Amino acid sequence: MRLATVAIGGERHIGVVERDDVRIVSRHPEIPADMVELIEGGTPLLDRLREILAVDGGSLPCLPLGEATLLAPIPRPRKNVFAVGLNYFRHVQEGAGYRGEEAKRPDWPVFFSKAPTTVIGPGAPIPRDSRVSVDWDWEVELGVVIGQGGRDIPAEQARSHIFGYTIINDVSVRDLQRRHGGQFFRGKSIDGTCPMGPWIVTADEIAPDQSLRLSLAVNDVVKQDGETSQMIFPVHDIIAHLSLGMTLEPGDVIATGTPDGVGYTRTPPEFLQPGDVVEARISGVGVLRNQVVEKES
């Protein structure tokens, strides 16, 4: 299933995307209007949703997808979005080349996080604030949404803890990212720098060993093109490392790293400008489209 958060008349609802339509399933009394509440319901609630669609789906309201206002599938995560840096070796190489250093594969996943206020939905403007910086960069990433929570999750059991997948554009303010003692958090947590969506594809739609193609285009020019099979630390290892000694909870979101092709390593460097249209694509998931706008003072 493709599960979306839809804004209708100032309220949020959960919709199931069916081809070119979105069925508003939270109009059914058994289905919550909040995505995290649905996730917390676990397999029993998801199975019940499938039953409702099979039996009563036709009685639920339906909107043309092109007319629906989609928000980020989890509009306000309950805690920071977890993220993994330097998880594609060609991205490691391009960064090392820019700095004139030798590229080294990390021995351990490089974790950081993005504040909940960074999250915006499909179609929402990326608010480029030139007072903060003009070095705004792009990063397409596979987002993993945790379903069943847990701590000390073994890698071989990690897949059973995944609710589904989404697309994340880890917009990065590069000079801030480097300025604060080498810690990524500041440059990754400017408001509006985590476009997410357009929906969550439930885990049963993606085979455990399936390699997904990631790409990102700016104004229809492809900048990034990679495969999730190129990850240094695959998804199950990321979950195992992240959950070691720390509890993951339903609705937690993990951005799993970006392939090569980012802007700051190009000659000359390229950064996002007001008016740019950014499209992040992942096969089997969808397309996340946002336009850059200059934030008003």
Protein backbone atom coordinates (compact mmCIF):
# COMPACT_ATOMS: atom_id res chain seq x y z
CA MET A 1 0.00 0.00 0.00
CA ARG A 2 0.92 3.62 -0.53
CA LEU A 3 -0.15 5.54 2.57
CA ALA A 4 -0.33 9.33 2.42
CA THR A 5 -1.21 12.10 4.84
CA VAL A 6 -3.77 14.37 3.18
CA ALA A 7 -4.91 17.84 4.22
CA ILE A 8 -8.68 18.36 3.87
CA GLY A 9 -10.40 21.46 5.20
CA GLY A 10 -7.72 22.19 7.76
CA GLU A 11 -7.67 18.60 9.04
CA ARG A 12 -5.24 15.77 8.43
CA HIS A 13 -6.37 12.42 7.13
CA ILE A 14 -4.78 9.18 6.00
CA GLY A 15 -5.30 8.19 2.41
CA VAL A 16 -4.43 5.11 0.40
CA VAL A 17 -3.13 6.00 -3.05
CA GLU A 18 -4.77 3.88 -5.76
CA ARG A 19 -3.35 4.66 -9.20
CA ASP A 20 -4.43 8.27 -9.82
CA ASP A 21 -6.74 8.57 -6.82
CA VAL A 22 -6.39 8.74 -3.06
CA ARG A 23 -9.01 7.05 -0.89
CA ILE A 24 -9.54 8.74 2.47
CA VAL A 25 -9.48 5.69 4.74
CA SER A 26 -9.44 7.64 8.01
CA ARG A 27 -13.10 8.48 7.35
CA HIS A 28 -13.70 4.94 8.56
CA PRO A 29 -14.18 4.93 12.36
CA GLU A 30 -11.58 2.21 12.92
CA ILE A 31 -8.75 4.00 11.11
CA PRO A 32 -6.91 6.87 12.84
CA ALA A 33 -6.20 10.14 11.06
CA ASP A 34 -2.61 10.24 12.33
CA MET A 35 0.05 8.20 10.54
CA VAL A 36 2.06 7.39 13.67
CA GLU A 37 -1.09 6.09 15.37
CA LEU A 38 -1.67 3.83 12.38
CA ILE A 39 1.91 2.61 12.58
CA GLU A 40 1.56 1.97 16.32
CA GLY A 41 -1.43 -0.25 15.54
CA GLY A 42 1.01 -2.70 14.00
CA THR A 43 0.18 -5.60 11.72
CA PRO A 44 -3.34 -6.14 13.14
CA LEU A 45 -4.44 -2.60 12.25
CA LEU A 46 -2.79 -2.74 8.83
CA ASP A 47 -4.53 -6.05 8.13
CA ARG A 48 -7.81 -4.53 9.27
CA LEU A 49 -7.27 -1.63 6.88
CA ARG A 50 -6.83 -4.09 4.02
CA GLU A 51 -10.08 -5.80 5.00
CA ILE A 52 -11.92 -2.48 5.08
CA LEU A 53 -10.62 -1.59 1.62
CA ALA A 54 -11.68 -4.98 0.26
CA VAL A 55 -15.17 -4.87 1.75
CA ASP A 56 -16.12 -1.22 2.29
CA GLY A 57 -13.52 0.69 0.29
CA GLY A 58 -16.01 1.86 -2.27
CA SER A 59 -18.02 3.68 0.39
CA LEU A 60 -15.06 5.79 1.49
CA PRO A 61 -14.47 9.22 -0.14
CA CYS A 62 -11.98 9.36 -2.97
CA LEU A 63 -10.07 12.33 -4.42
CA PRO A 64 -8.16 12.63 -7.69
CA LEU A 65 -4.52 12.47 -6.68
CA GLY A 66 -3.75 15.62 -8.67
CA GLU A 67 -6.29 17.57 -6.61
CA ALA A 68 -5.26 16.23 -3.19
CA THR A 69 -2.99 18.23 -0.89
CA LEU A 70 -0.39 15.77 0.34
CA LEU A 71 1.66 16.55 3.41
CA ALA A 72 4.77 14.73 4.54
CA PRO A 73 3.54 11.24 5.44
CA ILE A 74 4.64 11.96 9.02
CA PRO A 75 4.22 15.75 9.10
CA ARG A 76 5.79 16.22 12.53
CA PRO A 77 7.95 13.31 13.71
CA ARG A 78 7.89 12.82 17.46
CA LYS A 79 11.67 13.12 17.56
CA ASN A 80 14.53 13.97 15.24
CA VAL A 81 14.88 12.22 11.90
CA PHE A 82 17.87 9.88 12.17
CA ALA A 83 20.32 10.06 9.26
CA VAL A 84 23.39 8.27 7.97
CA GLY A 85 26.28 10.12 6.33
CA LEU A 86 28.96 8.78 4.00
CA ASN A 87 27.06 5.59 3.18
CA TYR A 88 27.86 5.40 -0.56
CA PHE A 89 31.56 5.07 -1.35
CA ARG A 90 31.44 7.21 -4.51
CA HIS A 91 29.95 9.97 -2.37
CA VAL A 92 32.82 9.45 0.09
CA GLN A 93 35.24 9.72 -2.85
CA GLU A 94 33.76 12.93 -4.24
CA GLY A 95 33.94 14.60 -0.83
CA ALA A 96 37.51 13.44 -0.24
CA GLY A 97 38.52 14.63 -3.71
CA TYR A 98 37.04 18.06 -3.02
CA ARG A 99 39.13 18.30 0.16
CA GLY A 100 42.26 16.85 -1.47
CA GLU A 101 42.21 13.81 0.82
CA GLU A 102 42.36 10.06 0.37
CA ALA A 103 38.93 8.41 0.38
CA LYS A 104 38.43 5.95 3.23
CA ARG A 105 35.44 3.71 3.81
CA PRO A 106 33.98 4.33 7.27
CA ASP A 107 34.36 1.42 9.69
CA TRP A 108 31.12 2.36 11.42
CA PRO A 109 27.97 4.16 10.25
CA VAL A 110 28.19 7.94 10.58
CA PHE A 111 25.01 9.05 12.36
CA PHE A 112 23.51 12.51 12.75
CA SER A 113 19.96 13.83 12.97
CA LYS A 114 17.63 16.46 11.56
CA ALA A 115 15.23 18.38 13.79
CA PRO A 116 11.46 17.72 13.39
CA THR A 117 11.01 21.31 12.14
CA THR A 118 13.00 20.44 9.03
CA VAL A 119 10.23 18.20 7.67
CA ILE A 120 8.10 19.49 4.80
CA GLY A 121 5.87 17.63 2.37
CA PRO A 122 5.70 17.07 -1.38
CA GLY A 123 5.06 20.29 -3.26
CA ALA A 124 5.95 22.45 -0.27
CA PRO A 125 8.52 25.19 -0.92
CA ILE A 126 12.08 24.71 0.29
CA PRO A 127 12.60 28.02 2.15
CA ARG A 128 16.14 29.05 1.17
CA ASP A 129 17.24 31.65 3.71
CA SER A 130 20.18 33.57 2.27
CA ARG A 131 20.71 35.29 5.63
CA VAL A 132 21.77 31.90 6.96
CA SER A 133 23.76 30.77 3.90
CA VAL A 134 23.74 30.53 0.11
CA ASP A 135 25.38 27.07 0.08
CA TRP A 136 22.17 24.99 -0.08
CA ASP A 137 22.78 21.51 -1.51
CA TRP A 138 20.67 18.43 -2.38
CA GLU A 139 20.80 14.76 -1.32
CA VAL A 140 18.27 12.12 -2.39
CA GLU A 141 17.90 9.36 0.21
CA LEU A 142 15.80 6.29 0.91
CA GLY A 143 13.80 6.91 4.07
CA VAL A 144 13.00 3.95 6.32
CA VAL A 145 10.01 4.18 8.67
CA ILE A 146 10.15 2.03 11.78
CA GLY A 147 7.07 -0.04 12.57
CA GLN A 148 7.72 -2.39 15.46
CA GLY A 149 9.98 -0.68 17.98
CA GLY A 150 12.88 -2.28 19.74
CA ARG A 151 16.35 -2.03 21.21
CA ASP A 152 19.43 -4.12 20.36
CA ILE A 153 17.77 -5.37 17.18
CA PRO A 154 19.87 -8.05 15.43
CA ALA A 155 20.57 -7.33 11.78
CA GLU A 156 18.88 -10.56 10.72
CA GLN A 157 15.65 -9.41 12.43
CA ALA A 158 15.76 -5.78 11.33
CA ARG A 159 13.43 -6.19 8.34
CA SER A 160 10.56 -7.19 10.63
CA HIS A 161 10.86 -3.77 12.33
CA ILE A 162 10.32 -1.79 9.11
CA PHE A 163 6.86 -0.36 8.46
CA GLY A 164 7.70 1.07 5.07
CA TYR A 165 9.78 3.34 2.88
CA THR A 166 9.61 6.93 1.69
CA ILE A 167 11.80 9.49 -0.10
CA ILE A 168 13.86 12.12 1.70
CA ASN A 169 15.77 15.04 0.24
CA ASP A 170 18.42 15.78 2.86
CA VAL A 171 18.89 19.44 1.92
CA SER A 172 22.22 20.46 3.44
CA VAL A 173 23.61 23.91 4.24
CA ARG A 174 27.22 23.09 3.53
CA ASP A 175 29.13 25.91 5.20
CA LEU A 176 27.17 25.44 8.43
CA GLN A 177 27.73 21.70 8.15
CA ARG A 178 31.50 22.25 8.23
CA ARG A 179 31.60 25.25 10.56
CA HIS A 180 30.57 23.74 13.86
CA GLY A 181 33.40 21.43 14.85
CA GLY A 182 32.71 18.88 12.15
CA GLN A 183 29.27 18.09 13.60
CA PHE A 184 26.64 17.80 10.86
CA PHE A 185 23.59 18.69 12.97
CA ARG A 186 23.57 22.47 12.56
CA GLY A 187 23.90 22.42 8.78
CA LYS A 188 21.30 19.67 8.49
CA SER A 189 18.61 21.17 10.74
CA ILE A 190 17.64 24.48 9.18
CA ASP A 191 13.84 24.72 8.92
CA GLY A 192 12.40 23.16 5.77
CA THR A 193 15.49 21.13 4.83
CA CYS A 194 13.88 17.68 5.01
CA PRO A 195 11.34 17.28 2.21
CA MET A 196 9.69 13.89 2.75
CA GLY A 197 7.13 11.91 0.79
CA PRO A 198 5.11 11.74 -1.25
CA TRP A 199 3.84 8.76 0.80
CA ILE A 200 4.98 5.65 2.63
CA VAL A 201 5.15 2.41 0.65
CA THR A 202 4.55 -0.45 3.07
CA ALA A 203 7.41 -2.88 3.54
CA ASP A 204 5.60 -5.78 1.88
CA GLU A 205 5.83 -3.92 -1.45
CA ILE A 206 9.65 -3.95 -1.46
CA ALA A 207 11.55 -7.25 -1.52
CA PRO A 208 14.27 -7.52 1.17
CA ASP A 209 17.05 -7.97 -1.39
CA GLN A 210 15.64 -5.51 -3.94
CA SER A 211 18.01 -2.78 -5.13
CA LEU A 212 16.21 0.49 -5.64
CA ARG A 213 17.35 3.19 -8.03
CA LEU A 214 17.73 6.68 -6.56
CA SER A 215 18.01 9.80 -8.70
CA LEU A 216 17.68 13.53 -8.26
CA ALA A 217 17.20 16.23 -10.88
CA VAL A 218 17.34 20.00 -10.61
CA ASN A 219 15.31 21.74 -13.31
CA ASP A 220 15.10 18.42 -15.20
CA VAL A 221 18.91 17.99 -15.20
CA VAL A 222 19.91 14.75 -13.46
CA LYS A 223 22.49 15.36 -10.74
CA GLN A 224 22.44 12.07 -8.81
CA ASP A 225 21.86 8.51 -9.99
CA GLY A 226 22.62 5.47 -7.87
CA GLU A 227 21.36 2.18 -6.45
CA THR A 228 20.67 1.20 -2.86
CA SER A 229 22.83 -1.89 -3.47
CA GLN A 230 25.79 0.53 -3.38
CA MET A 231 25.25 1.29 0.32
CA ILE A 232 28.27 0.63 2.51
CA PHE A 233 25.93 -0.23 5.39
CA PRO A 234 22.65 -1.72 4.11
CA VAL A 235 19.36 -1.00 5.83
CA HIS A 236 19.42 -4.01 8.17
CA ASP A 237 22.91 -3.09 9.40
CA ILE A 238 21.87 0.55 9.92
CA ILE A 239 18.97 -0.54 12.13
CA ALA A 240 21.18 -2.93 14.09
CA HIS A 241 23.84 -0.29 14.75
CA LEU A 242 21.37 2.48 15.54
CA SER A 243 19.31 0.38 17.95
CA LEU A 244 22.33 -0.87 19.90
CA GLY A 245 21.66 0.51 23.37
CA MET A 246 18.95 2.88 22.06
CA THR A 247 15.26 2.17 21.63
CA LEU A 248 13.70 2.76 18.23
CA GLU A 249 9.99 3.51 18.32
CA PRO A 250 7.08 3.24 15.87
CA GLY A 251 7.15 6.17 13.46
CA ASP A 252 10.88 6.83 13.77
CA VAL A 253 12.37 7.81 10.41
CA ILE A 254 15.88 7.01 9.17
CA ALA A 255 17.47 8.66 6.12
CA THR A 256 19.94 6.06 4.86
CA GLY A 257 22.51 8.13 2.94
CA THR A 258 22.97 9.63 -0.50
CA PRO A 259 24.83 8.58 -3.65
CA ASP A 260 27.39 10.77 -5.41
CA GLY A 261 26.45 13.83 -7.43
CA VAL A 262 25.95 16.47 -4.76
CA GLY A 263 26.50 20.11 -5.66
CA TYR A 264 29.37 21.30 -3.49
CA THR A 265 31.92 18.88 -5.03
CA ARG A 266 31.26 20.01 -8.61
CA THR A 267 33.54 22.27 -10.62
CA PRO A 268 32.47 24.95 -10.09
CA PRO A 269 30.30 24.15 -7.06
CA GLU A 270 26.54 24.22 -7.65
CA PHE A 271 23.98 25.23 -5.07
CA LEU A 272 20.21 25.53 -5.06
CA GLN A 273 18.78 28.86 -6.23
CA PRO A 274 15.33 30.41 -5.80
CA GLY A 275 13.03 29.02 -8.49
CA ASP A 276 14.86 25.71 -8.85
CA VAL A 277 12.61 22.65 -9.05
CA VAL A 278 14.06 19.59 -7.35
CA GLU A 279 12.76 16.10 -8.13
CA ALA A 280 13.94 13.13 -6.07
CA ARG A 281 12.95 9.70 -7.41
CA ILE A 282 13.21 6.18 -6.01
CA SER A 283 12.03 3.21 -8.02
CA GLY A 284 9.13 1.44 -6.38
CA VAL A 285 8.44 4.42 -4.15
CA GLY A 286 7.66 7.50 -6.23
CA VAL A 287 8.69 11.08 -6.96
CA LEU A 288 9.21 13.87 -4.42
CA ARG A 289 9.03 17.31 -6.02
CA ASN A 290 9.74 20.66 -4.34
CA GLN A 291 10.59 24.16 -5.53
CA VAL A 292 13.16 26.40 -3.88
CA VAL A 293 11.91 29.82 -2.78
CA GLU A 294 13.73 32.67 -1.09
CA LYS A 295 12.54 32.97 2.50
CA GLU A 296 11.13 36.38 3.25
CA SER A 297 12.64 38.27 6.18
